[in-house]
Amino acid sequence: MLGLHAGWRRRGPVDHIATGASLALYSGFWLGMILVVIFSTALGWLPGYGALSPGAITGSLDWLLDYLRHLALPVTAGALGLIGQYVVVARAAMSDIVTEDYMVPHGPKG
C-alpha cells in the first residue's frame, strides 16, 4: 500500500520518504551490516557471526534457542529487503498506470 500511495501521489512527501526508505531497505548487504553494528556490536543483544555459539549441545532446548538467536539478524535483513523491493516495484507499477487515459483524478465533478 505504501508503494501504491507513493506512485499515485508522485513527488509528494510520502513518495520521497517511501522511496528513500525502501531503497535503503532494498540494499540487503548494507542493511545486514547496519543491523550487525547496531544489534550485535553496539547493544550486544544478538550474536554477529556463526550459526551456533561454541560449546552448544546439539538436541537441547538451549541449542535451539541459541540457533534462533543466530538466525534473527539474517532473517530480519532478508525480510526488510523484500519489503523494500515490494515498495519499489509497486511504486513503479503505479507510476506507469497513473499516466494512462482511463485513470481519472479524484475531485469534484463539474
N, C-alpha and C. Protein backbone atom coordinates (compact mmCIF):
# COMPACT_ATOMS: atom_id res chain seq x y z
N MET A 1 0.82 -1.20 0.00
CA MET A 1 0.00 0.00 0.00
C MET A 1 0.87 1.26 0.00
N LEU A 2 2.00 1.18 0.68
CA LEU A 2 2.88 2.35 0.71
C LEU A 2 3.42 2.67 -0.68
N GLY A 3 3.80 1.64 -1.43
CA GLY A 3 4.28 1.84 -2.79
C GLY A 3 3.20 2.37 -3.71
N LEU A 4 1.98 1.89 -3.55
CA LEU A 4 0.88 2.38 -4.38
C LEU A 4 0.57 3.84 -4.09
N HIS A 5 0.56 4.20 -2.82
CA HIS A 5 0.30 5.60 -2.46
C HIS A 5 1.42 6.51 -2.97
N ALA A 6 2.67 6.03 -2.86
CA ALA A 6 3.80 6.84 -3.34
C ALA A 6 3.74 7.01 -4.85
N GLY A 7 3.30 5.97 -5.58
CA GLY A 7 3.19 6.08 -7.02
C GLY A 7 2.03 6.94 -7.47
N TRP A 8 0.95 6.93 -6.70
CA TRP A 8 -0.24 7.73 -7.04
C TRP A 8 0.03 9.22 -6.80
N ARG A 9 0.65 9.53 -5.71
CA ARG A 9 0.97 10.93 -5.35
C ARG A 9 2.46 11.17 -5.55
N ARG A 10 2.91 11.13 -6.79
CA ARG A 10 4.33 11.29 -7.08
C ARG A 10 4.83 12.67 -6.68
N ARG A 11 6.06 12.68 -6.25
CA ARG A 11 6.77 13.88 -5.83
C ARG A 11 6.18 14.54 -4.57
N GLY A 12 5.38 13.80 -3.84
CA GLY A 12 4.84 14.30 -2.58
C GLY A 12 5.73 13.86 -1.43
N PRO A 13 5.40 14.26 -0.21
CA PRO A 13 6.23 13.88 0.93
C PRO A 13 6.24 12.38 1.18
N VAL A 14 5.11 11.70 1.00
CA VAL A 14 5.07 10.25 1.20
C VAL A 14 5.94 9.55 0.16
N ASP A 15 5.92 10.07 -1.06
CA ASP A 15 6.74 9.49 -2.12
C ASP A 15 8.22 9.60 -1.79
N HIS A 16 8.65 10.76 -1.34
CA HIS A 16 10.06 10.96 -1.03
C HIS A 16 10.51 10.07 0.14
N ILE A 17 9.71 10.00 1.17
CA ILE A 17 10.07 9.20 2.34
C ILE A 17 10.03 7.71 2.01
N ALA A 18 8.96 7.28 1.33
CA ALA A 18 8.83 5.86 1.00
C ALA A 18 9.91 5.40 0.04
N THR A 19 10.24 6.21 -0.95
CA THR A 19 11.27 5.83 -1.91
C THR A 19 12.64 5.76 -1.24
N GLY A 20 12.97 6.73 -0.44
CA GLY A 20 14.25 6.71 0.26
C GLY A 20 14.38 5.54 1.22
N ALA A 21 13.34 5.31 2.01
CA ALA A 21 13.38 4.20 2.98
C ALA A 21 13.40 2.85 2.28
N SER A 22 12.62 2.70 1.23
CA SER A 22 12.58 1.40 0.55
C SER A 22 13.88 1.12 -0.19
N LEU A 23 14.51 2.12 -0.76
CA LEU A 23 15.81 1.89 -1.40
C LEU A 23 16.88 1.56 -0.38
N ALA A 24 16.80 2.14 0.81
CA ALA A 24 17.74 1.78 1.87
C ALA A 24 17.51 0.34 2.33
N LEU A 25 16.25 -0.07 2.43
CA LEU A 25 15.94 -1.44 2.84
C LEU A 25 16.28 -2.44 1.74
N TYR A 26 16.15 -2.02 0.50
CA TYR A 26 16.36 -2.91 -0.65
C TYR A 26 17.81 -3.34 -0.79
N SER A 27 18.74 -2.53 -0.32
CA SER A 27 20.16 -2.90 -0.40
C SER A 27 20.49 -3.80 0.78
N GLY A 28 20.31 -5.10 0.59
CA GLY A 28 20.37 -6.09 1.66
C GLY A 28 21.72 -6.20 2.35
N PHE A 29 22.82 -6.18 1.60
CA PHE A 29 24.12 -6.35 2.24
C PHE A 29 24.42 -5.18 3.17
N TRP A 30 24.14 -3.96 2.71
CA TRP A 30 24.35 -2.78 3.53
C TRP A 30 23.47 -2.84 4.78
N LEU A 31 22.21 -3.23 4.59
CA LEU A 31 21.28 -3.32 5.71
C LEU A 31 21.75 -4.35 6.72
N GLY A 32 22.25 -5.49 6.23
CA GLY A 32 22.76 -6.52 7.14
C GLY A 32 23.92 -6.02 7.98
N MET A 33 24.82 -5.27 7.38
CA MET A 33 25.96 -4.72 8.13
C MET A 33 25.49 -3.72 9.19
N ILE A 34 24.51 -2.89 8.82
CA ILE A 34 23.99 -1.91 9.79
C ILE A 34 23.32 -2.63 10.96
N LEU A 35 22.55 -3.68 10.67
CA LEU A 35 21.89 -4.44 11.74
C LEU A 35 22.91 -5.10 12.66
N VAL A 36 24.00 -5.64 12.10
CA VAL A 36 25.05 -6.26 12.93
C VAL A 36 25.71 -5.20 13.81
N VAL A 37 26.00 -4.04 13.25
CA VAL A 37 26.65 -2.98 14.04
C VAL A 37 25.74 -2.54 15.18
N ILE A 38 24.45 -2.40 14.91
CA ILE A 38 23.55 -1.92 15.95
C ILE A 38 23.25 -2.99 16.99
N PHE A 39 22.75 -4.15 16.54
CA PHE A 39 22.23 -5.14 17.49
C PHE A 39 23.28 -6.09 18.05
N SER A 40 24.42 -6.20 17.40
CA SER A 40 25.46 -7.09 17.90
C SER A 40 26.59 -6.32 18.57
N THR A 41 27.12 -5.34 17.87
CA THR A 41 28.28 -4.62 18.39
C THR A 41 27.88 -3.58 19.44
N ALA A 42 26.96 -2.70 19.09
CA ALA A 42 26.62 -1.60 20.00
C ALA A 42 25.78 -2.06 21.20
N LEU A 43 24.71 -2.81 20.92
CA LEU A 43 23.80 -3.21 22.00
C LEU A 43 24.16 -4.55 22.63
N GLY A 44 24.78 -5.43 21.86
CA GLY A 44 25.15 -6.75 22.38
C GLY A 44 23.98 -7.68 22.59
N TRP A 45 22.87 -7.45 21.92
CA TRP A 45 21.68 -8.27 22.09
C TRP A 45 21.75 -9.59 21.34
N LEU A 46 22.33 -9.57 20.14
CA LEU A 46 22.34 -10.75 19.28
C LEU A 46 23.76 -11.05 18.81
N PRO A 47 24.07 -12.32 18.53
CA PRO A 47 25.40 -12.65 18.01
C PRO A 47 25.57 -12.14 16.58
N GLY A 48 26.78 -11.75 16.25
CA GLY A 48 27.04 -11.16 14.95
C GLY A 48 27.60 -12.11 13.92
N TYR A 49 27.94 -13.33 14.28
CA TYR A 49 28.52 -14.26 13.33
C TYR A 49 28.24 -15.70 13.78
N GLY A 50 28.42 -16.63 12.86
CA GLY A 50 28.29 -18.04 13.17
C GLY A 50 26.85 -18.53 13.19
N ALA A 51 26.72 -19.86 13.18
CA ALA A 51 25.40 -20.47 13.25
C ALA A 51 25.06 -20.91 14.66
N LEU A 52 26.09 -21.19 15.47
CA LEU A 52 25.90 -21.60 16.86
C LEU A 52 27.02 -21.03 17.71
N SER A 53 26.76 -20.87 18.97
CA SER A 53 27.80 -20.47 19.90
C SER A 53 28.71 -21.65 20.18
N PRO A 54 30.00 -21.40 20.46
CA PRO A 54 30.90 -22.52 20.78
C PRO A 54 30.42 -23.27 22.02
N GLY A 55 30.43 -24.58 21.96
CA GLY A 55 30.04 -25.40 23.10
C GLY A 55 28.55 -25.68 23.21
N ALA A 56 27.77 -25.30 22.21
CA ALA A 56 26.34 -25.57 22.25
C ALA A 56 26.09 -27.07 22.09
N ILE A 57 25.26 -27.62 22.94
CA ILE A 57 24.98 -29.06 22.94
C ILE A 57 23.80 -29.32 22.01
N THR A 58 24.04 -30.12 20.97
CA THR A 58 23.03 -30.40 19.96
C THR A 58 21.87 -31.19 20.56
N GLY A 59 20.66 -30.81 20.20
CA GLY A 59 19.47 -31.53 20.62
C GLY A 59 18.79 -31.00 21.86
N SER A 60 19.37 -30.02 22.51
CA SER A 60 18.76 -29.50 23.72
C SER A 60 17.95 -28.24 23.39
N LEU A 61 17.16 -27.79 24.33
CA LEU A 61 16.37 -26.58 24.15
C LEU A 61 17.28 -25.36 24.07
N ASP A 62 18.36 -25.37 24.85
CA ASP A 62 19.32 -24.26 24.78
C ASP A 62 19.95 -24.16 23.40
N TRP A 63 20.20 -25.30 22.76
CA TRP A 63 20.76 -25.31 21.40
C TRP A 63 19.78 -24.66 20.43
N LEU A 64 18.51 -25.02 20.54
CA LEU A 64 17.51 -24.45 19.65
C LEU A 64 17.38 -22.95 19.85
N LEU A 65 17.35 -22.49 21.08
CA LEU A 65 17.25 -21.05 21.35
C LEU A 65 18.49 -20.31 20.86
N ASP A 66 19.66 -20.92 21.01
CA ASP A 66 20.89 -20.32 20.51
C ASP A 66 20.87 -20.23 18.99
N TYR A 67 20.39 -21.28 18.36
CA TYR A 67 20.29 -21.29 16.90
C TYR A 67 19.33 -20.20 16.40
N LEU A 68 18.20 -20.03 17.08
CA LEU A 68 17.23 -19.00 16.71
C LEU A 68 17.80 -17.59 16.93
N ARG A 69 18.60 -17.41 17.97
CA ARG A 69 19.24 -16.11 18.19
C ARG A 69 20.21 -15.78 17.06
N HIS A 70 20.92 -16.80 16.55
CA HIS A 70 21.84 -16.59 15.45
C HIS A 70 21.10 -16.34 14.13
N LEU A 71 19.88 -16.82 14.02
CA LEU A 71 19.09 -16.61 12.80
C LEU A 71 18.38 -15.26 12.76
N ALA A 72 18.26 -14.59 13.87
CA ALA A 72 17.44 -13.38 13.96
C ALA A 72 17.91 -12.28 13.00
N LEU A 73 19.20 -11.97 12.99
CA LEU A 73 19.68 -10.89 12.12
C LEU A 73 19.58 -11.22 10.64
N PRO A 74 20.00 -12.40 10.17
CA PRO A 74 19.86 -12.68 8.74
C PRO A 74 18.41 -12.70 8.26
N VAL A 75 17.52 -13.26 9.06
CA VAL A 75 16.11 -13.32 8.66
C VAL A 75 15.50 -11.92 8.64
N THR A 76 15.84 -11.09 9.60
CA THR A 76 15.33 -9.72 9.63
C THR A 76 15.83 -8.93 8.44
N ALA A 77 17.13 -9.05 8.11
CA ALA A 77 17.68 -8.34 6.96
C ALA A 77 17.02 -8.80 5.66
N GLY A 78 16.79 -10.10 5.53
CA GLY A 78 16.13 -10.62 4.33
C GLY A 78 14.69 -10.15 4.20
N ALA A 79 13.96 -10.17 5.31
CA ALA A 79 12.56 -9.74 5.27
C ALA A 79 12.44 -8.25 4.98
N LEU A 80 13.27 -7.43 5.60
CA LEU A 80 13.22 -5.99 5.34
C LEU A 80 13.63 -5.68 3.90
N GLY A 81 14.57 -6.46 3.37
CA GLY A 81 14.95 -6.28 1.97
C GLY A 81 13.82 -6.57 1.01
N LEU A 82 13.04 -7.62 1.32
CA LEU A 82 11.88 -7.94 0.48
C LEU A 82 10.80 -6.88 0.57
N ILE A 83 10.61 -6.33 1.76
CA ILE A 83 9.62 -5.25 1.91
C ILE A 83 10.03 -4.05 1.07
N GLY A 84 11.31 -3.70 1.11
CA GLY A 84 11.79 -2.59 0.29
C GLY A 84 11.62 -2.86 -1.19
N GLN A 85 11.86 -4.10 -1.61
CA GLN A 85 11.69 -4.46 -3.02
C GLN A 85 10.23 -4.32 -3.45
N TYR A 86 9.31 -4.79 -2.64
CA TYR A 86 7.89 -4.70 -2.98
C TYR A 86 7.43 -3.25 -3.08
N VAL A 87 7.92 -2.38 -2.21
CA VAL A 87 7.53 -0.98 -2.27
C VAL A 87 8.05 -0.34 -3.55
N VAL A 88 9.29 -0.63 -3.93
CA VAL A 88 9.86 -0.06 -5.15
C VAL A 88 9.09 -0.53 -6.38
N VAL A 89 8.78 -1.83 -6.44
CA VAL A 89 8.07 -2.38 -7.60
C VAL A 89 6.64 -1.84 -7.67
N ALA A 90 5.95 -1.76 -6.54
CA ALA A 90 4.57 -1.25 -6.53
C ALA A 90 4.54 0.23 -6.92
N ARG A 91 5.51 1.01 -6.48
CA ARG A 91 5.55 2.42 -6.86
C ARG A 91 5.79 2.57 -8.35
N ALA A 92 6.70 1.78 -8.91
CA ALA A 92 6.97 1.86 -10.34
C ALA A 92 5.75 1.46 -11.16
N ALA A 93 5.05 0.41 -10.73
CA ALA A 93 3.86 -0.03 -11.45
C ALA A 93 2.77 1.03 -11.39
N MET A 94 2.56 1.62 -10.23
CA MET A 94 1.53 2.65 -10.11
C MET A 94 1.91 3.90 -10.89
N SER A 95 3.19 4.25 -10.93
CA SER A 95 3.62 5.42 -11.71
C SER A 95 3.35 5.22 -13.19
N ASP A 96 3.48 3.99 -13.69
CA ASP A 96 3.17 3.72 -15.09
C ASP A 96 1.67 3.77 -15.36
N ILE A 97 0.90 3.20 -14.47
CA ILE A 97 -0.55 3.09 -14.69
C ILE A 97 -1.25 4.43 -14.54
N VAL A 98 -0.78 5.28 -13.64
CA VAL A 98 -1.47 6.53 -13.35
C VAL A 98 -1.45 7.48 -14.56
N THR A 99 -0.56 7.27 -15.50
CA THR A 99 -0.49 8.13 -16.68
C THR A 99 -1.39 7.65 -17.82
N GLU A 100 -2.07 6.53 -17.66
CA GLU A 100 -2.94 6.00 -18.72
C GLU A 100 -4.20 6.85 -18.84
N ASP A 101 -4.83 6.78 -20.02
CA ASP A 101 -6.02 7.59 -20.30
C ASP A 101 -7.23 7.23 -19.45
N TYR A 102 -7.33 5.97 -19.07
CA TYR A 102 -8.51 5.55 -18.31
C TYR A 102 -8.44 5.93 -16.84
N MET A 103 -7.32 6.45 -16.37
CA MET A 103 -7.21 6.88 -14.97
C MET A 103 -7.76 8.30 -14.86
N VAL A 104 -8.72 8.48 -13.97
CA VAL A 104 -9.37 9.77 -13.81
C VAL A 104 -9.04 10.29 -12.42
N PRO A 105 -8.59 11.54 -12.29
CA PRO A 105 -8.28 12.05 -10.96
C PRO A 105 -9.53 12.21 -10.11
N HIS A 106 -9.36 12.04 -8.80
CA HIS A 106 -10.47 12.27 -7.87
C HIS A 106 -10.71 13.75 -7.71
N GLY A 107 -11.91 14.12 -7.43
CA GLY A 107 -12.20 15.53 -7.20
C GLY A 107 -13.67 15.80 -7.51
N PRO A 108 -14.08 17.02 -7.26
CA PRO A 108 -15.48 17.36 -7.54
C PRO A 108 -15.77 17.35 -9.04
N LYS A 109 -16.96 16.86 -9.36
CA LYS A 109 -17.36 16.82 -10.76
C LYS A 109 -17.94 18.17 -11.17
N GLY A 110 -17.69 18.53 -12.39
CA GLY A 110 -18.28 19.77 -12.81
C GLY A 110 -17.52 20.37 -13.86
